[in-house]
Amino acid sequence: MDRLGRIFEAKSWAEAESKTGFRAIVEIDASTGGVTKPVARAKTKGQIMKKMVDIARERAGGKKLHAAIAHANAPKEAEQLSQMILSQLQCDDLYVVDVPPVAAVHNGEGLIEFGFYVSD
């Protein structure tokens, strides 16, 4: 995302990734005004997925989720995240899909995106 100019407020985290081995979890939604913002860091994909589930749990506040996982050639990781979500959160819907080719080109192979909204 950085090389294509789409990292904005998370740029310092993106630059630190190459030096530290940490990976950033970023969010883009209405609360950020559509600007990419960092929310957490982790070293491994397993830690990243755990943090994503923890963030969803915190924001859901015990309510049911409608969620989607999109991935770029990472079906095992997407399935692992799906199982973590289903075992720890209440979901009305959970979809797992491949990202479109343009997203894979922009973000790279191994990308995992997790989006959700809460039912009232």
Protein backbone atom coordinates (compact mmCIF):
# COMPACT_ATOMS: atom_id res chain seq x y z
CA MET A 1 0.00 0.00 0.00
CA ASP A 2 2.88 2.34 0.74
CA ARG A 3 4.48 2.19 -2.70
CA LEU A 4 1.11 3.07 -4.25
CA GLY A 5 0.51 6.04 -1.93
CA ARG A 6 -2.41 4.54 -0.02
CA ILE A 7 -0.94 4.22 3.47
CA PHE A 8 -1.41 7.82 4.74
CA GLU A 9 -1.32 7.94 8.57
CA ALA A 10 0.15 4.44 8.84
CA LYS A 11 3.26 5.33 6.80
CA SER A 12 5.65 5.34 9.78
CA TRP A 13 4.44 1.85 10.73
CA ALA A 14 4.88 0.64 7.14
CA GLU A 15 8.46 1.95 7.10
CA ALA A 16 9.21 0.27 10.45
CA GLU A 17 7.98 -3.11 9.18
CA SER A 18 11.06 -3.63 7.02
CA LYS A 19 13.37 -2.92 9.97
CA THR A 20 11.60 -4.69 12.84
CA GLY A 21 9.73 -7.61 11.28
CA PHE A 22 6.47 -6.40 12.81
CA ARG A 23 3.38 -6.20 10.63
CA ALA A 24 0.73 -3.55 11.01
CA ILE A 25 -3.01 -4.00 11.27
CA VAL A 26 -4.67 -1.01 9.65
CA GLU A 27 -8.27 0.08 9.39
CA ILE A 28 -10.20 2.08 6.87
CA ASP A 29 -13.80 2.96 7.64
CA ALA A 30 -16.24 5.78 8.22
CA SER A 31 -14.76 6.51 11.65
CA THR A 32 -11.39 7.28 10.03
CA GLY A 33 -12.93 9.34 7.25
CA GLY A 34 -11.68 6.76 4.75
CA VAL A 35 -8.06 7.34 5.79
CA THR A 36 -5.83 4.32 6.48
CA LYS A 37 -4.92 4.30 10.19
CA PRO A 38 -2.81 1.83 12.18
CA VAL A 39 -4.54 0.04 15.07
CA ALA A 40 -2.12 -2.70 16.20
CA ARG A 41 1.13 -4.52 15.44
CA ALA A 42 2.24 -8.13 15.65
CA LYS A 43 5.12 -10.33 14.52
CA THR A 44 3.31 -13.43 13.22
CA LYS A 45 0.17 -13.99 11.17
CA GLY A 46 -1.29 -15.94 14.10
CA GLN A 47 -0.78 -12.96 16.40
CA ILE A 48 -2.28 -10.64 13.79
CA MET A 49 -5.38 -12.80 13.45
CA LYS A 50 -5.78 -12.98 17.24
CA LYS A 51 -5.59 -9.20 17.45
CA MET A 52 -8.18 -8.83 14.67
CA VAL A 53 -10.58 -11.10 16.57
CA ASP A 54 -9.90 -9.21 19.81
CA ILE A 55 -10.64 -5.88 18.09
CA ALA A 56 -13.88 -7.27 16.63
CA ARG A 57 -14.92 -8.65 20.04
CA GLU A 58 -14.28 -5.30 21.70
CA ARG A 59 -16.17 -3.32 19.06
CA ALA A 60 -19.07 -5.77 18.80
CA GLY A 61 -19.88 -5.45 22.49
CA GLY A 62 -21.54 -8.86 22.61
CA LYS A 63 -23.74 -8.22 19.57
CA LYS A 64 -23.88 -10.41 16.47
CA LEU A 65 -21.57 -9.71 13.53
CA HIS A 66 -21.98 -9.82 9.80
CA ALA A 67 -18.45 -10.43 8.57
CA ALA A 68 -16.28 -11.17 5.57
CA ILE A 69 -12.71 -12.34 5.10
CA ALA A 70 -10.99 -11.66 1.81
CA HIS A 71 -7.58 -13.08 0.98
CA ALA A 72 -4.96 -13.08 -1.77
CA ASN A 73 -3.83 -16.69 -2.20
CA ALA A 74 -3.94 -17.40 1.54
CA PRO A 75 -6.79 -19.92 1.92
CA LYS A 76 -5.29 -21.71 4.95
CA GLU A 77 -4.87 -18.48 6.89
CA ALA A 78 -8.35 -17.29 5.87
CA GLU A 79 -9.83 -20.58 7.08
CA GLN A 80 -7.87 -20.32 10.34
CA LEU A 81 -9.19 -16.79 10.91
CA SER A 82 -12.71 -17.95 10.05
CA GLN A 83 -12.51 -20.72 12.67
CA MET A 84 -11.19 -18.27 15.28
CA ILE A 85 -14.06 -15.87 14.59
CA LEU A 86 -16.74 -18.56 14.65
CA SER A 87 -15.42 -20.04 17.90
CA GLN A 88 -15.12 -16.72 19.75
CA LEU A 89 -17.82 -14.42 18.33
CA GLN A 90 -21.49 -14.61 17.42
CA CYS A 91 -21.93 -14.29 13.65
CA ASP A 92 -25.09 -14.09 11.60
CA ASP A 93 -23.01 -14.26 8.40
CA LEU A 94 -19.37 -14.99 7.65
CA TYR A 95 -18.11 -15.06 4.07
CA VAL A 96 -14.63 -16.07 2.90
CA VAL A 97 -13.67 -14.91 -0.59
CA ASP A 98 -10.65 -14.34 -2.83
CA VAL A 99 -9.75 -10.69 -3.37
CA PRO A 100 -10.04 -9.36 -6.91
CA PRO A 101 -6.78 -9.50 -8.90
CA VAL A 102 -6.27 -5.73 -8.67
CA ALA A 103 -6.25 -5.92 -4.85
CA ALA A 104 -3.74 -8.77 -4.96
CA VAL A 105 -1.48 -6.69 -7.21
CA HIS A 106 -1.74 -3.62 -4.97
CA ASN A 107 -1.37 -5.41 -1.64
CA GLY A 108 0.60 -8.55 -2.42
CA GLU A 109 0.15 -12.25 -2.05
CA GLY A 110 -0.83 -13.36 1.45
CA LEU A 111 -3.09 -10.37 2.13
CA ILE A 112 -5.92 -11.06 4.58
CA GLU A 113 -8.71 -8.52 5.00
CA PHE A 114 -11.38 -8.78 7.69
CA GLY A 115 -14.43 -6.57 7.68
CA PHE A 116 -17.56 -6.62 9.79
CA TYR A 117 -20.54 -4.69 11.01
CA VAL A 118 -22.69 -5.24 14.08
CA SER A 119 -26.39 -6.13 14.11
CA ASP A 120 -28.65 -4.07 16.32
